[in-house]
Protein backbone atom coordinates (compact mmCIF):
# COMPACT_ATOMS: atom_id res chain seq x y z
CA UNK A 1 0.00 0.00 0.00
CA UNK A 2 3.04 2.29 0.03
CA UNK A 3 2.38 3.44 -3.53
CA UNK A 4 -1.24 4.29 -2.66
CA UNK A 5 0.01 6.41 0.25
CA UNK A 6 2.44 8.19 -2.09
CA UNK A 7 -0.35 8.96 -4.56
CA UNK A 8 -2.99 10.17 -2.12
CA UNK A 9 -0.89 11.84 0.60
CA UNK A 10 -0.92 15.19 -1.28
CA UNK A 11 -4.69 14.94 -1.74
CA UNK A 12 -5.11 14.31 1.99
CA UNK A 13 -3.02 17.41 2.75
CA UNK A 14 -5.18 19.40 0.31
CA UNK A 15 -8.33 18.24 2.12
CA UNK A 16 -6.82 19.34 5.45
CA UNK A 17 -6.08 22.79 4.03
CA UNK A 18 -9.59 23.21 2.64
CA UNK A 19 -11.17 21.99 5.87
CA UNK A 20 -9.14 24.39 8.02
CA UNK A 21 -9.77 27.97 6.81
CA UNK A 22 -7.62 29.35 9.63
CA UNK A 23 -4.53 27.83 7.99
CA UNK A 24 -3.68 30.85 5.88
CA UNK A 25 -0.61 32.64 4.62
CA UNK A 26 2.74 30.97 5.12
CA UNK A 27 1.19 28.27 7.32
CA UNK A 28 -0.78 26.94 4.36
CA UNK A 29 2.29 26.94 2.13
CA UNK A 30 4.20 25.31 4.99
CA UNK A 31 1.68 22.44 4.99
CA UNK A 32 2.23 22.12 1.24
CA UNK A 33 6.01 22.04 1.69
CA UNK A 34 5.75 19.45 4.47
CA UNK A 35 3.40 17.20 2.46
CA UNK A 36 5.55 17.46 -0.68
CA UNK A 37 8.72 16.73 1.31
CA UNK A 38 7.14 13.70 3.00
CA UNK A 39 5.92 12.41 -0.36
CA UNK A 40 9.37 12.82 -1.91
CA UNK A 41 10.91 10.98 1.05
CA UNK A 42 8.54 8.06 0.48
CA UNK A 43 9.39 8.01 -3.23
CA UNK A 44 13.07 8.01 -2.29
CA UNK A 45 12.45 5.02 -0.04
CA UNK A 46 10.69 3.27 -2.92
CA UNK A 47 13.66 4.00 -5.19
CA UNK A 48 16.09 2.68 -2.57
CA UNK A 49 14.21 -0.61 -2.28
CA UNK A 50 13.48 -0.98 -6.00
CA UNK A 51 15.32 -3.77 -7.83
CA UNK A 52 15.57 -2.81 -11.55
CA UNK A 53 16.71 -6.31 -12.46
CA UNK A 54 13.72 -8.05 -10.93
CA UNK A 55 12.02 -8.36 -14.31
CA UNK A 56 12.86 -7.86 -17.96
CA UNK A 57 9.52 -7.75 -19.72
CA UNK A 58 8.39 -4.18 -19.20
CA UNK A 59 4.81 -3.92 -18.07
CA UNK A 60 4.48 -7.70 -17.82
CA UNK A 61 7.14 -8.44 -15.18
CA UNK A 62 9.33 -6.42 -12.89
CA UNK A 63 6.53 -4.51 -11.20
CA UNK A 64 7.01 -3.35 -7.63
CA UNK A 65 4.57 -1.97 -5.05
CA UNK A 66 1.72 -3.42 -7.11
CA UNK A 67 -1.92 -3.09 -6.03
CA UNK A 68 -4.75 -4.65 -8.06
CA UNK A 69 -8.28 -4.12 -6.74
CA UNK A 70 -11.56 -4.62 -8.58
CA UNK A 71 -13.32 -1.37 -9.47
CA UNK A 72 -15.70 -1.77 -12.45
CA UNK A 73 -16.03 -5.55 -12.84
CA UNK A 74 -18.33 -5.46 -15.87
CA UNK A 75 -15.51 -4.12 -18.05
CA UNK A 76 -12.63 -5.53 -15.99
CA UNK A 77 -11.38 -2.09 -14.98
CA UNK A 78 -9.64 -1.89 -11.65
CA UNK A 79 -7.50 0.12 -9.31
CA UNK A 80 -4.31 -1.40 -10.69
CA UNK A 81 -1.13 0.51 -9.89
CA UNK A 82 2.53 -0.39 -9.81
CA UNK A 83 6.05 0.86 -10.37
CA UNK A 84 8.74 -0.21 -12.81
CA UNK A 85 11.77 1.38 -14.45
CA UNK A 86 9.59 3.48 -16.74
CA UNK A 87 7.40 5.06 -14.07
CA UNK A 88 9.69 5.34 -11.05
CA UNK A 89 11.95 8.08 -12.52
CA UNK A 90 8.88 10.14 -13.45
CA UNK A 91 7.35 9.64 -10.00
CA UNK A 92 10.63 10.92 -8.53
CA UNK A 93 10.65 13.87 -10.95
CA UNK A 94 7.09 14.71 -9.89
CA UNK A 95 8.05 14.67 -6.22
CA UNK A 96 11.13 16.83 -6.78
CA UNK A 97 9.44 19.44 -8.95
CA UNK A 98 6.34 19.83 -6.80
CA UNK A 99 8.51 20.28 -3.71
CA UNK A 100 10.55 22.91 -5.56
CA UNK A 101 7.35 24.74 -6.52
CA UNK A 102 6.13 24.60 -2.93
CA UNK A 103 9.36 26.14 -1.62
CA UNK A 104 9.31 28.72 -4.42
CA UNK A 105 5.76 29.74 -3.39
CA UNK A 106 6.55 30.37 0.29
CA UNK A 107 5.73 34.08 -0.14
CA UNK A 108 2.69 33.62 -2.38
CA UNK A 109 0.36 36.51 -1.37
CA UNK A 110 -2.76 35.59 -3.35
CA UNK A 111 -5.08 33.10 -1.60
CA UNK A 112 -2.19 30.83 -0.52
CA UNK A 113 -4.40 28.19 1.13
CA UNK A 114 -6.42 27.50 -2.02
CA UNK A 115 -3.29 27.81 -4.14
CA UNK A 116 -1.48 25.17 -2.09
CA UNK A 117 -4.50 22.85 -2.02
CA UNK A 118 -4.84 23.05 -5.80
CA UNK A 119 -1.21 22.13 -6.38
CA UNK A 120 -1.47 19.23 -3.94
CA UNK A 121 -4.52 17.97 -5.84
CA UNK A 122 -2.56 18.32 -9.07
CA UNK A 123 0.34 16.34 -7.60
CA UNK A 124 -1.95 13.42 -6.75
CA UNK A 125 -3.36 13.45 -10.29
CA UNK A 126 0.13 13.39 -11.82
CA UNK A 127 1.41 10.64 -9.54
CA UNK A 128 -1.70 8.58 -10.20
CA UNK A 129 -1.27 8.85 -13.96
CA UNK A 130 2.33 7.64 -13.86
CA UNK A 131 1.47 4.75 -11.51
CA UNK A 132 -1.67 3.55 -13.33
CA UNK A 133 -1.70 0.11 -14.94
CA UNK A 134 -5.35 0.28 -15.99
CA UNK A 135 -6.48 2.36 -18.96
CA UNK A 136 -9.60 3.76 -17.28
CA UNK A 137 -7.67 4.65 -14.14
CA UNK A 138 -5.01 6.29 -16.33
CA UNK A 139 -7.70 8.28 -18.12
CA UNK A 140 -9.30 9.47 -14.86
CA UNK A 141 -6.03 10.76 -13.41
CA UNK A 142 -5.03 12.14 -16.83
CA UNK A 143 -8.20 14.24 -17.02
CA UNK A 144 -7.89 15.44 -13.43
CA UNK A 145 -4.54 17.03 -14.31
CA UNK A 146 -6.34 19.10 -16.96
CA UNK A 147 -8.87 20.34 -14.41
CA UNK A 148 -6.21 21.20 -11.85
CA UNK A 149 -4.01 23.12 -14.28
CA UNK A 150 -7.00 25.00 -15.69
CA UNK A 151 -7.77 26.48 -12.28
CA UNK A 152 -4.09 27.26 -11.61
CA UNK A 153 -3.82 29.30 -14.82
CA UNK A 154 -7.25 30.94 -14.58
CA UNK A 155 -7.02 31.75 -10.88
CA UNK A 156 -3.41 32.83 -10.44
CA UNK A 157 -2.24 33.71 -13.93
CA UNK A 158 -1.74 37.15 -15.43
CA UNK A 159 -2.39 38.86 -18.75
CA UNK A 160 -5.10 36.96 -20.63
CA UNK A 161 -5.04 34.14 -18.07
CA UNK A 162 -8.70 33.11 -18.35
CA UNK A 163 -8.56 32.99 -22.13
CA UNK A 164 -5.32 30.99 -22.07
CA UNK A 165 -6.72 28.63 -19.44
CA UNK A 166 -9.84 28.01 -21.51
CA UNK A 167 -7.74 27.38 -24.62
CA UNK A 168 -5.58 24.92 -22.69
CA UNK A 169 -8.63 23.13 -21.30
CA UNK A 170 -10.45 22.83 -24.63
CA UNK A 171 -7.42 21.59 -26.55
CA UNK A 172 -6.32 19.02 -23.99
CA UNK A 173 -9.84 17.88 -23.12
CA UNK A 174 -10.67 17.22 -26.78
CA UNK A 175 -7.38 15.33 -26.99
CA UNK A 176 -8.37 13.26 -23.96
CA UNK A 177 -11.66 12.34 -25.67
CA UNK A 178 -9.67 10.99 -28.62
CA UNK A 179 -7.57 9.07 -26.09
CA UNK A 180 -10.71 7.58 -24.53
CA UNK A 181 -11.94 6.44 -27.94
CA UNK A 182 -8.61 4.71 -28.47
CA UNK A 183 -8.86 2.99 -25.08
CA UNK A 184 -12.34 1.73 -25.93
CA UNK A 185 -10.92 0.40 -29.20
CA UNK A 186 -8.28 -1.53 -27.26
CA UNK A 187 -10.99 -2.95 -25.00
CA UNK A 188 -13.17 -4.07 -27.90
CA UNK A 189 -10.21 -5.51 -29.79
CA UNK A 190 -8.88 -7.58 -26.91
CA UNK A 191 -9.79 -11.21 -26.40
CA UNK A 192 -10.14 -10.75 -22.64
CA UNK A 193 -12.31 -7.60 -22.90
CA UNK A 194 -10.19 -5.77 -20.36
CA UNK A 195 -8.69 -2.34 -19.72
CA UNK A 196 -5.77 -3.81 -17.77
CA UNK A 197 -2.47 -2.70 -19.33
CA UNK A 198 -0.56 -5.77 -18.16
CA UNK A 199 -3.07 -8.17 -19.74
CA UNK A 200 -3.20 -6.12 -22.94
CA UNK A 201 0.60 -6.07 -23.23
CA UNK A 202 0.79 -9.84 -22.71
CA UNK A 203 -1.78 -10.45 -25.45
CA UNK A 204 -1.82 -7.40 -27.78
CA UNK A 205 -5.24 -6.64 -29.27
CA UNK A 206 -5.95 -6.04 -32.97
CA UNK A 207 -2.78 -7.86 -34.06
CA UNK A 208 -4.70 -9.42 -36.96
CA UNK A 209 -6.47 -6.20 -37.96
CA UNK A 210 -3.93 -3.70 -39.37
CA UNK A 211 -6.58 -1.12 -40.28
CA UNK A 212 -8.32 -1.23 -36.91
CA UNK A 213 -4.98 -1.22 -35.10
CA UNK A 214 -3.84 1.80 -37.08
CA UNK A 215 -7.05 3.71 -36.33
CA UNK A 216 -6.81 2.95 -32.60
CA UNK A 217 -3.16 4.05 -32.60
CA UNK A 218 -4.22 7.24 -34.42
CA UNK A 219 -6.80 8.05 -31.74
CA UNK A 220 -4.36 7.36 -28.90
CA UNK A 221 -1.59 9.21 -30.71
CA UNK A 222 -3.75 12.30 -31.25
CA UNK A 223 -4.72 12.44 -27.59
CA UNK A 224 -1.12 12.09 -26.43
CA UNK A 225 0.26 14.47 -29.09
CA UNK A 226 -2.00 17.28 -27.87
CA UNK A 227 -0.85 16.75 -24.29
CA UNK A 228 2.86 16.46 -25.14
CA UNK A 229 2.47 18.75 -27.26
CA UNK A 230 3.83 17.94 -30.70
CA UNK A 231 3.55 19.87 -33.95
CA UNK A 232 0.91 20.85 -35.08
CA UNK A 233 -1.04 20.38 -31.83
CA UNK A 234 1.16 22.71 -29.77
CA UNK A 235 -0.63 26.02 -30.31
CA UNK A 236 -2.19 26.08 -26.82
CA UNK A 237 1.22 25.87 -25.15
CA UNK A 238 2.77 29.37 -25.59
CA UNK A 239 -0.31 31.24 -24.34
CA UNK A 240 -0.79 28.89 -21.37
CA UNK A 241 2.83 29.26 -20.33
CA UNK A 242 3.02 33.01 -20.82
CA UNK A 243 -0.03 33.72 -18.67
CA UNK A 244 0.46 31.01 -16.02
CA UNK A 245 2.18 31.73 -12.70
CA UNK A 246 5.81 30.61 -12.50
CA UNK A 247 5.07 27.49 -10.43
CA UNK A 248 2.22 26.59 -12.77
CA UNK A 249 4.47 26.87 -15.82
CA UNK A 250 7.14 24.74 -14.12
CA UNK A 251 4.64 21.94 -13.40
CA UNK A 252 2.99 22.25 -16.81
CA UNK A 253 6.29 21.89 -18.68
CA UNK A 254 8.11 19.66 -16.23
CA UNK A 255 5.37 17.14 -15.45
CA UNK A 256 2.17 17.49 -17.48
CA UNK A 257 3.93 17.36 -20.86
CA UNK A 258 5.54 14.07 -19.80
CA UNK A 259 2.11 12.49 -19.36
CA UNK A 260 1.85 12.52 -23.16
CA UNK A 261 5.28 11.07 -23.93
CA UNK A 262 4.90 8.56 -21.09
CA UNK A 263 1.64 7.41 -22.67
CA UNK A 264 3.48 6.52 -25.87
CA UNK A 265 6.04 4.33 -24.12
CA UNK A 266 3.59 2.84 -21.58
CA UNK A 267 0.52 2.26 -23.79
CA UNK A 268 1.03 2.74 -27.53
CA UNK A 269 4.31 0.88 -27.96
CA UNK A 270 3.84 -2.31 -25.87
CA UNK A 271 0.08 -2.74 -26.41
CA UNK A 272 0.01 -1.94 -30.17
CA UNK A 273 3.41 -3.27 -31.29
CA UNK A 274 2.39 -4.10 -34.87
CA UNK A 275 0.76 -0.74 -35.45
CA UNK A 276 3.71 1.08 -33.86
CA UNK A 277 6.11 -0.72 -36.22
CA UNK A 278 4.02 0.18 -39.27
CA UNK A 279 3.66 3.83 -38.33
CA UNK A 280 6.98 4.41 -36.56
CA UNK A 281 8.33 6.50 -39.43
CA UNK A 282 5.40 8.88 -39.06
CA UNK A 283 6.38 9.32 -35.41
CA UNK A 284 9.97 10.01 -36.48
CA UNK A 285 8.86 12.64 -39.00
CA UNK A 286 6.55 14.36 -36.50
CA UNK A 287 9.38 14.31 -33.97
CA UNK A 288 11.87 15.92 -36.37
CA UNK A 289 9.35 18.59 -37.43
CA UNK A 290 8.66 19.36 -33.76
CA UNK A 291 12.42 19.63 -33.10
CA UNK A 292 12.97 22.13 -35.91
CA UNK A 293 9.70 24.05 -35.55
CA UNK A 294 10.11 24.48 -31.84
CA UNK A 295 13.71 25.66 -32.19
CA UNK A 296 13.19 28.14 -35.02
CA UNK A 297 10.00 29.63 -33.58
CA UNK A 298 11.68 29.96 -30.17
CA UNK A 299 14.53 31.82 -31.84
CA UNK A 300 12.07 34.41 -33.19
CA UNK A 301 10.44 35.21 -29.84
CA UNK A 302 10.76 38.57 -28.11
CA UNK A 303 9.32 37.21 -24.86
CA UNK A 304 11.42 35.07 -22.50
CA UNK A 305 8.61 32.82 -21.37
CA UNK A 306 7.27 32.16 -24.87
CA UNK A 307 10.80 31.29 -25.95
CA UNK A 308 11.13 28.72 -23.15
CA UNK A 309 7.68 27.35 -24.02
CA UNK A 310 8.65 26.72 -27.64
CA UNK A 311 11.86 24.98 -26.58
CA UNK A 312 9.60 22.43 -24.87
CA UNK A 313 8.13 21.56 -28.29
CA UNK A 314 11.71 21.15 -29.50
CA UNK A 315 12.76 18.87 -26.63
CA UNK A 316 9.63 16.73 -26.79
CA UNK A 317 10.40 16.25 -30.49
CA UNK A 318 13.64 14.51 -29.48
CA UNK A 319 11.62 12.17 -27.27
CA UNK A 320 9.31 11.16 -30.12
CA UNK A 321 12.28 10.75 -32.46
CA UNK A 322 13.79 8.21 -30.08
CA UNK A 323 10.53 6.35 -29.52
CA UNK A 324 9.81 6.30 -33.26
CA UNK A 325 13.26 4.88 -33.95
CA UNK A 326 12.49 2.09 -31.46
CA UNK A 327 9.71 0.92 -33.77
CA UNK A 328 11.87 0.66 -36.90
CA UNK A 329 12.62 -3.00 -36.28
CA UNK A 330 13.78 -3.76 -39.82
CA UNK A 331 16.23 -0.86 -39.93
CA UNK A 332 18.10 -1.15 -36.63
CA UNK A 333 19.22 -3.85 -34.23
CA UNK A 334 17.80 -4.26 -30.75
CA UNK A 335 20.75 -2.55 -29.06
CA UNK A 336 20.39 0.66 -31.08
CA UNK A 337 16.64 0.78 -30.53
CA UNK A 338 17.12 0.30 -26.81
CA UNK A 339 19.61 3.16 -26.66
CA UNK A 340 17.13 5.43 -28.47
CA UNK A 341 14.37 4.50 -26.02
CA UNK A 342 16.61 5.07 -23.00
CA UNK A 343 17.58 8.46 -24.42
CA UNK A 344 13.94 9.41 -24.86
CA UNK A 345 13.13 8.50 -21.25
CA UNK A 346 16.25 10.28 -20.01
CA UNK A 347 15.17 13.37 -21.92
CA UNK A 348 11.83 13.40 -20.09
CA UNK A 349 13.58 13.63 -16.73
CA UNK A 350 16.23 16.08 -17.92
CA UNK A 351 13.70 18.41 -19.51
CA UNK A 352 11.58 18.40 -16.37
CA UNK A 353 14.48 19.54 -14.20
CA UNK A 354 15.99 22.15 -16.51
CA UNK A 355 12.85 23.65 -17.98
CA UNK A 356 11.22 23.66 -14.55
CA UNK A 357 14.16 25.73 -13.31
CA UNK A 358 13.93 28.06 -16.32
CA UNK A 359 10.26 28.79 -15.70
CA UNK A 360 10.84 29.44 -12.01
CA UNK A 361 13.62 31.85 -12.99
CA UNK A 362 11.26 33.60 -15.41
CA UNK A 363 9.00 34.22 -12.42
CA UNK A 364 11.76 36.41 -10.98
CA UNK A 365 11.43 38.70 -14.03
CA UNK A 366 7.68 38.97 -13.57
CA UNK A 367 7.90 39.70 -9.86
CA UNK A 368 10.35 42.53 -10.56
CA UNK A 369 8.89 44.15 -13.65
CA UNK A 370 5.62 42.46 -14.69
CA UNK A 371 6.98 41.70 -18.14
CA UNK A 372 8.98 38.98 -19.90
CA UNK A 373 9.95 41.11 -22.91
CA UNK A 374 13.63 40.94 -23.80
CA UNK A 375 13.79 44.65 -24.66
CA UNK A 376 12.79 45.67 -21.13
CA UNK A 377 15.74 43.96 -19.46
CA UNK A 378 19.52 44.06 -19.71
CA UNK A 379 22.77 43.82 -17.78
CA UNK A 380 21.28 41.70 -14.98
CA UNK A 381 24.57 39.90 -14.33
CA UNK A 382 25.90 42.81 -12.28
CA UNK A 383 23.03 43.55 -9.85
CA UNK A 384 21.73 39.96 -9.70
CA UNK A 385 24.71 37.59 -10.04
CA UNK A 386 22.98 34.58 -8.47
CA UNK A 387 20.03 34.91 -10.84
CA UNK A 388 22.44 35.28 -13.76
CA UNK A 389 24.45 32.23 -12.73
CA UNK A 390 21.34 30.06 -12.33
CA UNK A 391 19.94 31.25 -15.66
CA UNK A 392 23.22 30.53 -17.43
CA UNK A 393 23.48 27.04 -15.91
CA UNK A 394 19.87 26.19 -16.85
CA UNK A 395 20.35 27.54 -20.38
CA UNK A 396 23.59 25.64 -20.99
CA UNK A 397 22.01 22.50 -19.61
CA UNK A 398 18.99 22.87 -21.88
CA UNK A 399 21.08 23.33 -25.01
CA UNK A 400 22.81 20.00 -24.30
CA UNK A 401 26.22 21.07 -22.99
CA UNK A 402 28.35 18.07 -21.90
CA UNK A 403 28.27 17.62 -18.15
CA UNK A 404 24.52 18.12 -17.92
CA UNK A 405 21.66 15.63 -18.18
CA UNK A 406 20.51 17.09 -21.50
CA UNK A 407 23.70 15.95 -23.20
CA UNK A 408 23.30 12.36 -21.97
CA UNK A 409 19.71 12.31 -23.21
CA UNK A 410 20.26 13.82 -26.65
CA UNK A 411 23.45 11.84 -27.27
CA UNK A 412 21.61 8.57 -26.67
CA UNK A 413 18.62 9.59 -28.81
CA UNK A 414 20.88 10.46 -31.75
CA UNK A 415 23.14 7.44 -31.28
CA UNK A 416 20.21 5.04 -31.16
CA UNK A 417 18.24 6.65 -33.98
CA UNK A 418 21.14 7.09 -36.39
CA UNK A 419 21.14 3.45 -37.51
CA UNK A 420 17.37 3.28 -37.88
CA UNK A 421 16.78 6.59 -39.65
CA UNK A 422 20.04 8.38 -40.50
CA UNK A 423 18.59 11.19 -42.63
CA UNK A 424 15.98 12.22 -40.07
CA UNK A 425 18.57 12.08 -37.28
CA UNK A 426 21.03 14.30 -39.13
CA UNK A 427 18.27 16.82 -39.83
CA UNK A 428 17.27 16.79 -36.17
CA UNK A 429 20.84 17.67 -35.15
CA UNK A 430 20.20 21.10 -36.67
CA UNK A 431 17.79 21.67 -33.80
CA UNK A 432 20.70 21.53 -31.33
CA UNK A 433 22.52 24.29 -33.21
CA UNK A 434 19.44 26.51 -33.28
CA UNK A 435 18.72 25.83 -29.60
CA UNK A 436 22.29 26.78 -28.70
CA UNK A 437 21.93 30.00 -30.66
CA UNK A 438 18.64 31.02 -29.09
CA UNK A 439 19.78 30.36 -25.50
CA UNK A 440 23.06 32.21 -26.02
CA UNK A 441 21.16 35.12 -27.56
CA UNK A 442 18.77 35.17 -24.60
CA UNK A 443 21.68 35.25 -22.14
CA UNK A 444 23.27 38.10 -24.08
CA UNK A 445 20.04 40.13 -24.06
CA UNK A 446 19.26 39.61 -20.39
CA UNK A 447 22.65 39.52 -18.70
CA UNK A 448 24.97 41.82 -20.67
CA UNK A 449 25.05 45.53 -21.50
CA UNK A 450 23.72 48.38 -19.40
CA UNK A 451 21.66 47.34 -16.41
CA UNK A 452 18.09 48.16 -17.37
CA UNK A 453 14.72 47.13 -16.01
CA UNK A 454 11.06 48.15 -16.49
CA UNK A 455 9.95 51.33 -14.77
CA UNK A 456 7.41 49.33 -12.75
CA UNK A 457 10.17 47.47 -10.90
CA UNK A 458 9.27 47.21 -7.19
CA UNK A 459 11.99 49.23 -5.52
CA UNK A 460 11.75 47.85 -1.98
CA UNK A 461 12.91 51.39 -1.21
CA UNK A 462 16.34 50.85 -2.73
CA UNK A 463 16.11 50.95 -6.51
CA UNK A 464 17.30 54.41 -7.56
CA UNK A 465 17.16 55.15 -11.28
CA UNK A 466 18.79 57.66 -13.56
CA UNK A 467 16.76 59.94 -15.75
CA UNK A 468 17.35 58.21 -19.07
CA UNK A 469 14.00 56.47 -19.38
CA UNK A 470 12.65 55.74 -22.85
CA UNK A 471 9.34 54.33 -23.97
CA UNK A 472 9.42 50.81 -25.36
CA UNK A 473 6.81 49.27 -27.63
CA UNK A 474 4.99 45.98 -27.16
CA UNK A 475 3.26 44.70 -24.08
CA UNK A 476 5.64 41.81 -23.32
CA UNK A 477 2.87 40.06 -21.45
CA UNK A 478 2.26 43.00 -19.12
CA UNK A 479 -1.20 44.43 -18.56
CA UNK A 480 -0.01 48.05 -18.87
CA UNK A 481 2.74 49.81 -20.76
CA UNK A 482 6.08 49.89 -18.95
CA UNK A 483 9.25 51.83 -19.65
CA UNK A 484 12.75 50.42 -19.43
CA UNK A 485 15.06 52.42 -17.22
CA UNK A 486 18.66 52.16 -16.18
CA UNK A 487 18.96 51.09 -12.57
CA UNK A 488 21.83 50.77 -10.15
CA UNK A 489 20.43 48.03 -7.94
CA UNK A 490 18.05 45.09 -8.34
CA UNK A 491 17.28 42.57 -5.62
CA UNK A 492 18.81 39.17 -6.40
CA UNK A 493 17.15 35.80 -5.86
CA UNK A 494 15.83 35.39 -2.34
CA UNK A 495 16.59 32.44 -0.12
CA UNK A 496 13.41 30.49 -0.85
CA UNK A 497 13.83 31.06 -4.60
CA UNK A 498 17.38 29.72 -4.51
CA UNK A 499 16.25 26.79 -2.35
CA UNK A 500 13.75 25.88 -5.07
CA UNK A 501 15.90 26.40 -8.17
CA UNK A 502 19.43 25.37 -7.18
CA UNK A 503 18.53 21.73 -6.32
CA UNK A 504 16.93 21.28 -9.76
CA UNK A 505 20.12 22.48 -11.43
CA UNK A 506 22.25 20.36 -9.11
CA UNK A 507 20.25 17.24 -10.01
CA UNK A 508 20.65 18.00 -13.73
CA UNK A 509 24.41 18.25 -13.14
CA UNK A 510 24.51 15.00 -11.14
CA UNK A 511 22.61 13.15 -13.88
CA UNK A 512 25.03 14.59 -16.42
CA UNK A 513 28.14 13.50 -14.52
CA UNK A 514 26.81 10.28 -12.95
CA UNK A 515 24.24 8.96 -15.44
CA UNK A 516 24.32 5.42 -14.03
CA UNK A 517 22.13 6.64 -11.18
CA UNK A 518 19.24 6.85 -13.62
CA UNK A 519 20.41 4.50 -16.37
CA UNK A 520 20.48 1.49 -14.05
CA UNK A 521 16.74 1.96 -13.51
CA UNK A 522 15.80 2.92 -17.06
CA UNK A 523 17.76 0.44 -19.17
CA UNK A 524 16.07 -2.85 -18.17
CA UNK A 525 12.61 -1.35 -18.63
CA UNK A 526 13.53 0.27 -21.95
CA UNK A 527 14.98 -3.01 -23.23
CA UNK A 528 11.75 -4.73 -22.24
CA UNK A 529 9.64 -2.21 -24.17
CA UNK A 530 11.84 -2.65 -27.26
CA UNK A 531 11.41 -6.41 -26.94
CA UNK A 532 7.64 -6.04 -26.75
CA UNK A 533 7.55 -3.76 -29.79
CA UNK A 534 9.58 -6.23 -31.85
CA UNK A 535 7.15 -9.13 -31.33
C-alpha cells in the first residue's frame, strides 16, 4: 500500500487545508512544503528498495509496489497501480518538482491556502497517472490534471489568463476524448475484454487487424500528441505558459507534458506493437518537425517565457524521435533501438528539471517588472549575479552542454536513432545548433550591456534610477505599458527562490556527470519495451 500512500498523501493534505480555513498565509504553504517533502521521502524510499533487475519484460514483469483491486467488474477495470523502471523516474521527478514549486511559493500573497491545495490535488493526479496500470484509471487521473491546471492558470495567472486557461482546457480535453476512444478500441479488440495494461501487453489486441490497429493508434496518438504537445497540436502551449504563474508553468512543462510522452512508451508501444512498427516512421517525422519548428519559432520570440515554451516543443520532439526509432525494427538492431528508447526516457527527466528551473527563474522577471519582454531587461549579471548564474546554468544544460543531463539524453537519442533513420537524425541535429543560438542570444540580451529594467520594478525602497527612461513598444505580457530604465540596484534571488531552483540544477548536473544513477533503472525497462515492440 506504500504506492497508494504516495499517490494520495498530497490529496489528503489538500483536504486538510480546505477543511481548516484558519490555515492561511505561510502556514498553508508550509503544509504544502511538508506534504511534498514527505511524499518525496517516500518516493526516495521506494527507489532505494526498488530492484531494476527483478524483471525484464516491461509492463508484464518487474513490477514493484503493485496493487490490483476490482473497481468496475463489468468491463474488468480496476484500481491497478505499480512501479517499474519506466514510471519510477517520473514519479521521482514529480516529487522533486512539486517540492521545488512549494518552496518557491513560500511568499505567495494571493489566496495561498487554495493555491497550495490546488497544487497538492494536481500532484496526486500526476502521480496517479504515472502509476496507473489500468487504462480507465489512467484516463481518470489524466483528465484530473487538466482540471487542476485549468484552475491554476485561470485563478493565479496574469495577462489573458482566463482565455489561455480556456484554450488549454479545450485543446487538452478534446485530446483526452480521442484518447478515450482509443482505449475503448483496445478494449473491444482484446480477447479478454479488459482495460488492464498488463493483460493487454501480454496479449496485444488487434494484431490481426492492421486497419483497426492503425485507427486505434491514431486516436491514442492524437490524444497524447496534444498533451505532449507535438507539432501541429502545440498552439495552446505558448499562451498557457506566458499567462500562467511561474510554479504553474514549471509543473505544466516539467510534469504534465511528460504524461503525453509517457503514454506513448507505456501504452502505444507495448500494447500496439504491430501498429507502432508500421507507423513508426510517421512518429519520427513528426518528432523531427517538432524539433525544428520548436527551435526556429523559439529563436524568433521577443518574450522570455514564450521562448522557453517553444523549446519544450523542441525537446519533446527529441523524445518522439527516439521512440519512433524504437519501432523501426527492420532498420536497426535491438541494441540501437534500446539506446534510443533510454535516451527518450532520459530526456523526459532532464527536460523536467531544466525547464522547470527556467520557468521558475522567469517568475523572478515577472515579480520585478511584470513583463517577460527581452527589450525591457539588460545587464542583470551585475546587480543579480545569483540569478544570472542560475539562468546561465539552466540555459547551458537545456542546449545540451556536456556535463549536464541534457547531453546524456540527446546523445543517446541520436546514437540510437542514427542506424534506424540516418537522414531524419542528421536533420534533427540542426535543432541543437538553433537551440544553442537562441539560448546564447537570450543570455546576451538579459545579462549583458547596461543594467536596465522596467519602470514598474518594485523598488523595496532601494532601486534608484537615472533619468534616461525611454518608452518601449509591445506589451511583453504586461497588462499596462512599462518603460525600461537604467537602474543601479536590483534585488537578487531570495533564499526560498534559490532553495527551489538550485537543487533542480544540481540534479541536472549529477545526472550529467553520474548517469548510471538513472540509467540502471531505465535500461532494463527500456529493453523490455523494445522487446515487446519487436514481437
